[in-house]
Protein backbone atom coordinates (compact mmCIF):
# COMPACT_ATOMS: atom_id res chain seq x y z
CA MET A 1 -88.28 52.78 -3.13
CA GLU A 2 -88.11 50.84 -6.43
CA ILE A 3 -85.12 53.00 -7.58
CA LEU A 4 -83.29 52.35 -4.30
CA LEU A 5 -83.86 48.59 -4.44
CA ALA A 6 -82.69 48.40 -8.08
CA MET A 7 -79.42 50.32 -7.04
CA THR A 8 -78.90 47.81 -4.21
CA VAL A 9 -79.40 44.89 -6.49
CA ALA A 10 -76.92 46.42 -8.96
CA VAL A 11 -74.34 46.82 -6.23
CA PHE A 12 -74.74 43.25 -5.11
CA ALA A 13 -74.41 42.09 -8.66
CA LEU A 14 -71.32 44.18 -9.21
CA ALA A 15 -69.75 42.82 -5.93
CA GLY A 16 -70.48 39.33 -7.01
CA ALA A 17 -68.91 39.90 -10.42
CA VAL A 18 -65.73 41.34 -8.71
CA LEU A 19 -65.65 38.33 -6.31
CA VAL A 20 -65.94 35.91 -9.22
CA ALA A 21 -63.28 37.79 -11.14
CA PHE A 22 -60.72 37.75 -8.34
CA GLY A 23 -61.52 34.13 -7.47
CA GLY A 24 -60.78 33.13 -11.02
CA GLN A 25 -57.57 35.15 -11.09
CA SER A 26 -56.51 33.41 -7.85
CA LEU A 27 -57.21 30.05 -9.31
CA ASP A 28 -55.20 30.84 -12.52
CA ILE A 29 -52.26 31.97 -10.19
CA GLY A 30 -52.49 28.86 -8.17
CA THR A 31 -52.57 26.57 -11.23
CA ALA A 32 -49.51 28.38 -12.86
CA GLN A 33 -47.63 28.06 -9.62
CA ASN A 34 -48.36 24.41 -9.38
CA SER A 35 -47.23 23.79 -12.87
CA GLU A 36 -43.98 25.73 -12.32
CA ALA A 37 -43.32 23.69 -9.12
CA LEU A 38 -43.99 20.45 -11.10
CA VAL A 39 -41.43 21.57 -13.71
CA LEU A 40 -38.88 22.39 -11.01
CA ALA A 41 -39.38 18.91 -9.38
CA LYS A 42 -38.93 17.20 -12.81
CA GLU A 43 -35.68 19.30 -13.37
CA MET A 44 -34.41 18.18 -9.93
CA ILE A 45 -34.91 14.47 -10.75
CA ALA A 46 -33.32 15.05 -14.14
CA ASP A 47 -30.40 16.73 -12.54
CA ARG A 48 -29.82 13.72 -10.20
CA GLN A 49 -30.11 11.37 -13.17
CA ALA A 50 -27.43 13.38 -15.06
CA ALA A 51 -25.12 13.29 -12.03
CA ALA A 52 -25.51 9.59 -11.77
CA ALA A 53 -24.43 9.17 -15.42
CA GLY A 54 -21.15 10.86 -14.58
CA ASP A 55 -20.64 9.37 -11.13
CA PHE A 56 -23.15 7.66 -8.97
CA ARG A 57 -21.46 9.11 -5.77
CA LEU A 58 -22.47 12.56 -6.90
CA VAL A 59 -26.18 11.71 -6.35
CA ASN A 60 -26.65 13.39 -2.97
CA SER A 61 -29.21 15.34 -1.10
CA ALA A 62 -29.52 19.05 -1.85
CA ALA A 63 -31.51 22.13 -1.21
CA ALA A 64 -32.17 25.36 -3.07
CA GLN A 65 -34.46 28.44 -3.25
CA THR A 66 -35.84 29.66 -6.50
CA GLY A 67 -38.04 32.77 -6.15
CA ILE A 68 -41.00 31.72 -3.95
CA PHE A 69 -40.18 27.99 -4.28
CA THR A 70 -38.14 25.97 -1.75
CA GLN A 71 -36.58 23.01 -3.43
CA LYS A 72 -35.36 19.93 -1.58
CA THR A 73 -33.86 16.75 -2.97
CA GLU A 74 -33.67 13.86 -0.48
CA VAL A 75 -31.46 10.99 -1.37
CA SER A 76 -31.46 7.70 0.50
CA THR A 77 -29.94 4.23 -0.10
CA HIS A 78 -32.46 1.77 -1.51
CA SER A 79 -29.95 -1.04 -1.91
CA PHE A 80 -26.35 -1.48 -3.05
CA PHE A 81 -26.01 0.72 -6.13
CA THR A 82 -29.56 1.98 -6.14
CA LYS A 83 -30.72 5.21 -4.57
CA LYS A 84 -34.23 6.52 -3.85
CA ILE A 85 -34.70 10.21 -4.87
CA ILE A 86 -37.57 12.43 -3.43
CA ALA A 87 -37.76 15.81 -5.10
CA SER A 88 -40.13 18.19 -3.31
CA VAL A 89 -40.97 21.83 -4.12
CA SER A 90 -43.01 23.86 -1.58
CA TRP A 91 -44.40 27.52 -1.43
CA ASP A 92 -46.97 29.59 0.20
CA PHE A 93 -50.27 30.52 -1.53
CA GLY A 94 -53.50 31.71 -0.16
CA GLY A 95 -52.37 31.47 3.39
CA ARG A 96 -51.52 27.77 3.00
CA ARG A 97 -48.31 25.83 2.37
CA GLN A 98 -48.43 24.10 -1.02
CA ASN A 99 -46.23 21.19 -2.09
CA VAL A 100 -45.35 19.18 -5.17
CA THR A 101 -43.47 15.80 -4.66
CA LEU A 102 -41.92 13.42 -7.23
CA GLN A 103 -39.89 10.31 -6.40
CA THR A 104 -37.91 7.73 -8.35
CA LEU A 105 -35.15 5.05 -8.08
CA ILE A 106 -31.84 5.62 -9.77
CA SER A 107 -29.42 2.65 -10.25
CA ASP A 108 -25.72 2.72 -11.09
CA TRP A 109 -26.12 0.39 -14.24
CA ARG A 110 -23.14 2.12 -15.80
CA GLY A 111 -20.84 1.06 -12.96
CA THR A 112 -19.56 4.60 -12.42
CA ALA A 113 -18.88 3.97 -8.69
CA GLY A 114 -17.06 0.70 -9.27
CA ASN A 115 -17.31 -1.58 -6.28
CA ASP A 116 -17.69 1.33 -3.89
CA THR A 117 -20.52 0.42 -1.44
CA CYS A 118 -19.96 3.53 0.74
CA ASP A 119 -23.10 5.75 1.02
CA SER A 120 -22.00 9.06 -0.60
CA ASN A 121 -25.02 10.80 1.04
CA LEU A 122 -24.07 12.01 4.51
CA SER A 123 -26.33 11.26 7.55
CA GLY A 124 -25.74 11.92 11.18
CA ASP A 125 -23.40 14.28 13.02
CA TRP A 126 -19.89 13.75 11.76
CA LYS A 127 -18.61 16.46 13.91
CA ASN A 128 -19.34 14.01 16.79
CA PRO A 129 -18.85 10.58 15.36
CA GLN A 130 -19.44 7.27 17.29
CA VAL A 131 -16.34 5.23 17.55
CA GLU A 132 -15.64 1.67 18.71
CA HIS A 133 -12.24 -0.04 18.66
CA PHE A 134 -11.50 -3.77 18.41
CA ASP A 135 -8.37 -5.77 19.07
CA PHE A 136 -7.78 -7.65 15.88
CA ALA A 137 -6.16 -10.61 17.49
CA VAL A 138 -9.33 -11.14 19.52
CA LEU A 139 -11.47 -10.63 16.45
CA SER A 140 -9.48 -12.90 14.25
CA GLU A 141 -8.90 -15.58 16.95
CA THR A 142 -5.17 -15.59 15.98
CA ALA A 143 -1.97 -14.29 17.51
CA SER A 144 -0.76 -10.79 16.62
CA SER A 145 -0.89 -9.86 13.00
CA THR A 146 -0.14 -6.64 11.03
CA ILE A 147 -3.01 -5.42 8.87
CA SER A 148 -1.96 -4.08 5.42
CA GLY A 149 -5.36 -3.73 3.55
CA ILE A 150 -9.14 -3.80 4.02
CA ASP A 151 -12.04 -3.89 1.61
CA ALA A 152 -15.79 -3.58 2.81
CA TYR A 153 -18.09 -5.04 0.22
CA LYS A 154 -21.65 -6.17 0.42
CA ASN A 155 -21.91 -7.02 4.13
CA LYS A 156 -18.38 -8.48 4.32
CA LEU A 157 -15.13 -7.04 5.54
CA TYR A 158 -12.03 -8.51 3.82
CA VAL A 159 -8.79 -8.00 5.66
CA ALA A 160 -5.26 -8.72 4.45
CA VAL A 161 -2.19 -8.92 6.65
CA GLU A 162 1.42 -8.29 5.71
CA ASP A 163 2.96 -10.09 8.73
CA THR A 164 2.02 -12.65 11.47
CA SER A 165 3.71 -13.61 14.74
CA ILE A 166 3.18 -17.25 13.90
CA ASN A 167 4.10 -18.34 10.44
CA THR A 168 1.31 -20.73 10.05
CA ASP A 169 -1.34 -18.22 11.02
CA PRO A 170 -3.87 -17.20 8.29
CA THR A 171 -3.26 -14.06 6.32
CA LEU A 172 -6.71 -13.32 4.96
CA PHE A 173 -9.78 -12.78 7.00
CA ILE A 174 -13.50 -12.27 6.25
CA PHE A 175 -15.78 -10.62 8.76
CA ASN A 176 -19.65 -10.38 8.68
CA ILE A 177 -20.61 -6.61 8.88
CA LEU A 178 -24.36 -6.95 8.28
CA ASP A 179 -24.70 -5.82 11.91
CA SER A 180 -22.17 -3.06 11.38
CA LYS A 181 -21.47 -2.55 15.11
CA ASN A 182 -20.77 -6.18 15.90
CA LEU A 183 -17.94 -7.66 13.76
CA SER A 184 -17.90 -11.35 13.65
CA LEU A 185 -15.39 -13.67 12.01
CA TYR A 186 -16.92 -15.39 9.09
CA GLN A 187 -13.89 -17.12 7.52
CA HIS A 188 -10.16 -17.09 7.15
CA SER A 189 -7.79 -18.39 4.51
CA GLY A 190 -5.59 -21.52 4.64
CA ASN A 191 -1.86 -21.43 4.41
CA ASP A 192 -1.93 -21.32 0.55
CA ILE A 193 -2.85 -17.58 0.65
CA GLY A 194 0.32 -15.52 1.14
CA LYS A 195 0.92 -12.33 2.97
CA ALA A 196 -0.30 -9.23 1.07
CA ASN A 197 0.17 -5.60 0.86
CA ALA A 198 -3.27 -4.72 -0.53
CA LEU A 199 -6.53 -6.44 -1.66
CA GLU A 200 -9.76 -5.87 -3.66
CA ALA A 201 -13.02 -7.81 -3.65
CA ASP A 202 -15.91 -8.31 -6.07
CA ASP A 203 -19.07 -10.41 -5.78
CA ASP A 204 -17.24 -13.80 -5.95
CA PHE A 205 -13.52 -13.25 -5.74
CA ILE A 206 -10.77 -11.64 -3.72
CA TYR A 207 -7.61 -10.20 -5.47
CA LEU A 208 -4.43 -9.84 -3.51
CA ALA A 209 -1.21 -7.88 -4.25
CA THR A 210 1.18 -10.20 -2.43
CA LYS A 211 4.37 -9.61 -0.66
CA SER A 212 5.90 -12.51 -2.76
CA SER A 213 8.32 -11.88 -5.68
CA VAL A 214 7.11 -15.18 -7.15
CA ASN A 215 3.36 -14.83 -7.32
CA GLN A 216 2.66 -11.18 -7.14
CA LEU A 217 -1.12 -11.78 -7.67
CA GLN A 218 -3.17 -14.29 -5.94
CA ILE A 219 -6.92 -14.88 -6.38
CA ALA A 220 -9.16 -16.39 -3.64
CA ASP A 221 -12.87 -17.16 -3.74
CA ARG A 222 -15.32 -15.26 -1.55
CA ASN A 223 -14.68 -17.67 1.34
CA GLY A 224 -10.87 -17.18 1.15
CA ALA A 225 -10.00 -20.43 -0.65
CA PHE A 226 -7.12 -20.32 -3.04
CA VAL A 227 -8.20 -20.16 -6.80
CA SER A 228 -5.03 -19.16 -8.70
CA ALA A 229 -1.84 -17.03 -8.79
CA LEU A 230 0.17 -15.34 -11.44
CA GLU A 231 3.85 -15.01 -11.45
CA LEU A 232 5.01 -11.95 -13.34
CA LYS A 233 7.91 -12.15 -15.95
CA ASP A 234 9.47 -9.83 -18.43
CA ILE A 235 9.21 -10.18 -22.16
CA ASP A 236 12.24 -12.55 -22.09
CA GLY A 237 10.78 -14.82 -19.44
CA ASP A 238 12.94 -13.57 -16.59
CA ASP A 239 11.21 -13.29 -13.25
CA CYS A 240 10.14 -9.86 -11.92
CA LYS A 241 12.12 -9.22 -8.81
CA LYS A 242 9.66 -6.98 -6.87
CA THR A 243 6.44 -7.69 -4.85
CA GLY A 244 2.98 -6.42 -5.37
CA SER A 245 2.39 -3.03 -3.79
CA SER A 246 -1.07 -1.93 -4.85
CA ILE A 247 -4.17 -3.27 -6.59
CA PHE A 248 -7.43 -2.18 -8.13
CA TYR A 249 -10.16 -4.33 -9.74
CA LYS A 250 -12.74 -3.24 -12.42
CA ASP A 251 -14.70 -5.01 -15.04
CA ASN A 252 -12.72 -8.26 -15.22
CA TYR A 253 -9.29 -6.53 -15.09
CA VAL A 254 -6.89 -6.29 -12.21
CA TYR A 255 -4.51 -3.39 -12.10
CA LEU A 256 -1.53 -4.53 -10.19
CA GLY A 257 1.25 -2.16 -9.01
CA LEU A 258 4.68 -3.30 -8.09
CA SER A 259 7.61 -2.02 -6.10
CA GLU A 260 10.24 -0.37 -8.39
CA ASP A 261 11.57 -3.15 -10.68
CA ASP A 262 14.61 -3.06 -12.93
CA VAL A 263 13.20 -5.97 -14.88
CA CYS A 264 9.45 -5.50 -15.28
CA PRO A 265 7.12 -2.52 -15.72
CA GLU A 266 5.46 -1.45 -12.49
CA LEU A 267 1.95 -1.24 -13.76
CA ASN A 268 0.50 -4.57 -14.88
CA ILE A 269 -2.96 -4.79 -16.30
CA ILE A 270 -4.27 -8.41 -15.84
CA ASN A 271 -7.20 -10.05 -17.56
CA VAL A 272 -9.03 -12.13 -14.92
CA GLN A 273 -12.18 -13.02 -16.80
CA ASN A 274 -10.99 -16.61 -16.36
CA ARG A 275 -10.08 -16.54 -12.64
CA ASP A 276 -8.34 -19.91 -12.91
CA SER A 277 -5.96 -18.58 -15.49
CA PRO A 278 -5.23 -14.84 -15.24
CA ILE A 279 -3.16 -13.41 -18.08
CA ILE A 280 -1.21 -10.20 -18.68
CA ALA A 281 -3.05 -7.87 -21.03
CA GLY A 282 -0.77 -4.84 -20.96
CA ARG A 283 2.01 -3.05 -18.99
CA PHE A 284 3.32 0.42 -18.40
CA GLU A 285 6.71 1.44 -17.13
CA VAL A 286 6.74 3.94 -14.37
CA GLY A 287 10.27 3.72 -12.99
CA ALA A 288 9.07 3.86 -9.37
CA LYS A 289 6.96 1.99 -6.88
CA ILE A 290 3.19 2.40 -7.33
CA ASN A 291 1.61 3.13 -3.86
CA GLY A 292 -1.91 3.54 -5.05
CA ILE A 293 -4.10 2.91 -8.03
CA TYR A 294 -7.57 4.17 -9.01
CA VAL A 295 -9.36 3.31 -12.30
CA LYS A 296 -12.24 5.36 -13.62
CA GLY A 297 -13.53 5.45 -17.16
CA ASN A 298 -10.68 5.26 -19.60
CA TYR A 299 -8.02 6.37 -17.10
CA ALA A 300 -5.71 4.71 -14.49
CA TYR A 301 -4.58 7.19 -11.81
CA LEU A 302 -1.33 6.31 -10.12
CA ALA A 303 0.27 7.48 -6.77
CA THR A 304 3.95 6.80 -7.23
CA ALA A 305 7.13 7.00 -5.31
CA ASP A 306 8.60 9.30 -7.90
CA SER A 307 9.06 12.57 -6.10
CA ASN A 308 9.17 14.49 -9.42
CA ARG A 309 5.81 13.10 -10.63
CA GLU A 310 3.81 11.73 -7.70
CA LEU A 311 0.74 11.61 -9.81
CA ILE A 312 0.69 9.89 -13.23
CA ILE A 313 -2.42 9.46 -15.40
CA ILE A 314 -2.50 6.61 -17.98
CA ASP A 315 -5.03 6.01 -20.84
CA ILE A 316 -6.23 2.39 -20.57
CA THR A 317 -8.84 2.53 -23.36
CA ASN A 318 -6.91 -0.26 -24.98
CA PRO A 319 -5.70 -2.36 -21.97
CA SER A 320 -3.04 -4.02 -24.18
CA ALA A 321 -1.48 -0.67 -25.08
CA PRO A 322 -1.72 1.87 -22.12
CA THR A 323 -0.41 5.24 -22.98
CA PHE A 324 0.77 8.27 -20.92
CA VAL A 325 -1.66 11.16 -20.51
CA ALA A 326 -0.29 13.49 -17.87
CA ASP A 327 1.73 13.71 -14.67
CA TYR A 328 1.94 16.17 -11.88
CA ASN A 329 4.82 17.33 -9.63
CA LEU A 330 3.30 18.44 -6.34
CA LEU A 331 6.43 20.21 -5.11
CA PRO A 332 8.53 21.27 -8.03
CA ASP A 333 10.74 23.44 -5.91
CA ARG A 334 11.63 20.53 -3.48
CA THR A 335 13.04 17.61 -5.57
CA LYS A 336 13.54 14.20 -4.01
CA TRP A 337 11.08 14.92 -1.21
CA GLY A 338 7.89 13.17 -0.46
CA TYR A 339 6.00 10.57 -2.50
CA GLY A 340 2.51 9.91 -3.74
CA LYS A 341 0.62 7.51 -1.34
CA THR A 342 -3.07 7.26 -2.30
CA VAL A 343 -5.51 8.48 -4.95
CA LYS A 344 -9.31 8.51 -5.34
CA ILE A 345 -11.53 9.82 -8.06
CA ILE A 346 -15.13 11.20 -7.73
CA GLY A 347 -16.63 12.70 -10.98
CA ASP A 348 -13.91 14.74 -12.56
CA LYS A 349 -12.07 15.46 -9.22
CA ILE A 350 -8.94 13.84 -8.06
CA TYR A 351 -8.24 13.52 -4.39
CA PHE A 352 -4.65 12.74 -3.63
CA GLY A 353 -2.57 11.96 -0.55
CA ARG A 354 1.19 12.04 -0.21
CA THR A 355 3.81 11.09 2.39
CA TYR A 356 4.77 13.67 4.97
CA ILE A 357 7.17 16.47 4.25
CA ASP A 358 7.66 19.38 6.53
CA ASN A 359 5.87 22.64 5.74
CA SER A 360 3.95 21.34 2.84
CA PRO A 361 0.42 19.90 2.41
CA GLU A 362 -0.22 16.10 2.38
CA PHE A 363 -3.79 16.21 0.82
CA TYR A 364 -4.58 17.82 -2.58
CA LEU A 365 -7.68 18.23 -4.71
CA PHE A 366 -7.37 18.52 -8.49
CA ASN A 367 -9.73 18.98 -11.37
CA HIS A 368 -9.07 16.60 -14.27
CA LYS A 369 -10.14 17.21 -17.87
CA GLU A 370 -8.49 15.03 -20.52
CA SER A 371 -4.79 15.95 -20.28
CA SER A 372 -5.28 18.94 -17.99
CA VAL A 373 -4.69 18.69 -14.24
CA ASP A 374 -5.48 21.78 -12.23
CA LEU A 375 -4.92 22.22 -8.54
CA LEU A 376 -8.05 23.28 -6.66
CA GLY A 377 -6.92 23.14 -2.98
CA SER A 378 -4.82 21.45 -0.43
CA TYR A 379 -4.62 20.66 3.23
CA SER A 380 -1.64 20.47 5.70
CA ASP A 381 -1.80 18.74 9.09
CA ASN A 382 -0.22 21.72 10.91
CA GLY A 383 3.12 20.09 11.53
CA ASP A 384 2.14 16.57 12.62
CA PRO A 385 4.49 14.17 10.88
CA PHE A 386 1.92 12.13 9.21
CA SER A 387 1.33 10.83 5.70
CA VAL A 388 -2.04 10.43 4.04
CA ASN A 389 -2.40 6.63 3.80
CA ASP A 390 -6.01 6.50 2.56
CA ILE A 391 -8.91 8.81 1.53
CA ILE A 392 -12.68 8.43 1.51
CA ILE A 393 -14.89 11.12 -0.08
CA ARG A 394 -18.54 11.48 0.90
CA ASP A 395 -20.28 14.51 -0.47
CA ASN A 396 -18.66 17.56 0.97
CA LEU A 397 -16.54 15.56 3.57
CA ALA A 398 -13.14 14.06 3.12
CA PHE A 399 -11.97 11.39 5.51
CA ILE A 400 -8.23 11.44 5.60
CA LEU A 401 -6.38 8.52 7.22
CA ALA A 402 -3.07 9.72 8.66
CA GLY A 403 -0.12 7.42 9.56
CA SER A 404 3.62 7.41 9.98
CA ALA A 405 6.57 5.12 10.54
CA SER A 406 6.59 5.34 14.29
CA GLN A 407 4.85 8.52 15.41
CA GLY A 408 1.23 7.39 15.32
CA GLY A 409 -1.65 8.81 13.32
CA ASP A 410 -5.38 9.40 13.29
CA LEU A 411 -8.53 9.95 11.21
CA ARG A 412 -9.26 13.48 10.07
CA ILE A 413 -12.63 14.73 8.82
CA LEU A 414 -12.33 17.76 6.49
CA ASP A 415 -15.01 19.78 4.98
CA ILE A 416 -14.10 20.26 1.44
CA ALA A 417 -17.14 22.18 0.07
CA ASP A 418 -14.77 25.05 -0.73
CA PRO A 419 -11.53 23.46 -1.87
CA GLY A 420 -9.81 26.86 -1.50
CA ASN A 421 -10.71 26.94 2.20
CA ILE A 422 -10.67 23.30 3.66
CA VAL A 423 -11.93 23.19 7.20
CA GLU A 424 -10.87 20.53 9.77
CA GLU A 425 -14.05 19.40 11.35
CA LYS A 426 -12.87 16.53 13.63
CA ILE A 427 -9.82 14.46 14.52
CA VAL A 428 -10.53 10.85 15.65
CA GLY A 429 -7.90 9.14 17.73
CA LEU A 430 -6.87 5.57 16.93
CA PRO A 431 -5.52 2.82 19.15
CA GLY A 432 -1.70 2.45 19.55
CA GLU A 433 -1.06 5.96 18.47
CA ALA A 434 2.02 6.56 20.74
CA GLY A 435 4.98 5.10 18.92
CA GLY A 436 2.87 3.21 16.40
CA ARG A 437 2.13 3.48 12.72
CA GLY A 438 -1.34 5.02 13.17
CA GLY A 439 -3.89 4.48 10.33
CA VAL A 440 -2.80 1.95 7.66
CA ALA A 441 -6.03 1.18 5.69
CA MET A 442 -9.55 2.15 5.49
CA ASP A 443 -12.85 1.50 3.78
CA CYS A 444 -16.54 2.34 4.03
CA GLU A 445 -19.88 0.67 3.57
CA GLY A 446 -23.17 2.49 3.93
CA ASN A 447 -22.71 5.05 6.77
CA TYR A 448 -19.90 3.12 8.46
CA LEU A 449 -16.13 3.58 8.13
CA TYR A 450 -13.80 0.67 9.04
CA VAL A 451 -10.26 1.73 9.93
CA ALA A 452 -7.22 -0.45 10.51
CA SER A 453 -4.41 0.88 12.64
CA VAL A 454 -1.06 -0.60 13.94
CA ASP A 455 0.79 0.12 17.19
CA GLY A 456 4.56 0.15 17.82
CA GLN A 457 4.80 -3.61 18.32
CA GLY A 458 2.96 -4.53 15.09
CA LYS A 459 -0.28 -5.25 16.81
CA SER A 460 -3.40 -4.29 14.81
CA TYR A 461 -6.73 -2.85 15.61
CA LEU A 462 -10.09 -2.32 13.70
CA SER A 463 -12.17 0.73 14.42
CA VAL A 464 -15.79 1.03 13.40
CA ILE A 465 -16.83 4.72 12.97
CA THR A 466 -20.30 6.16 12.22
CA ALA A 467 -22.46 9.14 12.95
CA LYS A 468 -25.92 9.33 14.49
């Protein structure tokens, strides 16, 4: 009996030792997995911080799987130019779901997004967007006007017009968009602000590329009141003969594009640090109308009306001495056909729109490294006679504003995750499509797109588009 009891105690002791041993091993594994998950979460935060250094608009939500670990980075807008990042790593252990979460705020203190207040992080179902159209004459409380440019910036929508049915009508309008679905007129300009082809806004001022061949640049304050104007002249003091056609603002410089001018260079870099007295800093001869300008880093990207080099890249490191970097001929086998229309830059990618030409793409994606420009993919509108008048890029979606001289246009939402296989997700109709110009200008703030379109009689509309 004593021997049997001793054996029983020994068995219990051995079982206890085994249980303790396995329990300790389980604890070690759990601790190791928790440490590995914490490292992954830190790497996810660091990855978003690195993306922000290159371009704040590349900081977007993402998901991945690494072995047993499910990784999820959630990005949301905290405020203009600040995003909240939540990095979570989850896995199964011991029959329970484990999770490690880190969060931080990332700000665009480098200014890599410029004045772009569009939320690059997509939300809602953009295959089924919510659309509301507004008659611009009703919104603006004026007679019929033809919109030429819009800029959404910090709860305001700035609208420029190129023509009015009554000469004394205002040509610059400012709308409140804090309530994005209910546009309300905040202010309009006096008669001292001229008709314009394009505009840009910052915190305190509005910059207009005017239709005037006398004062091609006008500056207004944020309420639309006239501040100053600049009349462009050549080096001999002769007047430039063409009007402003495109404009971009960045870091106290305005980049003003002109129609083709035999007297003056088409690209004019203007120092506006003193808004009361803007001065020319530098110029570059293009030899063609500049339809679109985008500035990022040390480069200015030009969409031109030169059919042999629709895209031109200029080094503006020294604004007083801009230098040529590269150009690109989209259709080298079809000379004198089609022009560059609009250009946008996200990271090291160039998104380019051109005027319509049959059997050829109108939207292109390029990779840009120093003087190298490599085509990644393109999209054709399947025979519709539309030009790409504007582009907005949000993560894997491209919003393409299509227009024409008299055959209408629309908004096209494209999935560009694979540039070699661009997928058309949705076509959004615009007012006045039949016989009109279709889409003429577009901008974005938060998760809302603001689209201007013009019908065949020159009557304008504003459309507010979002996704739920």
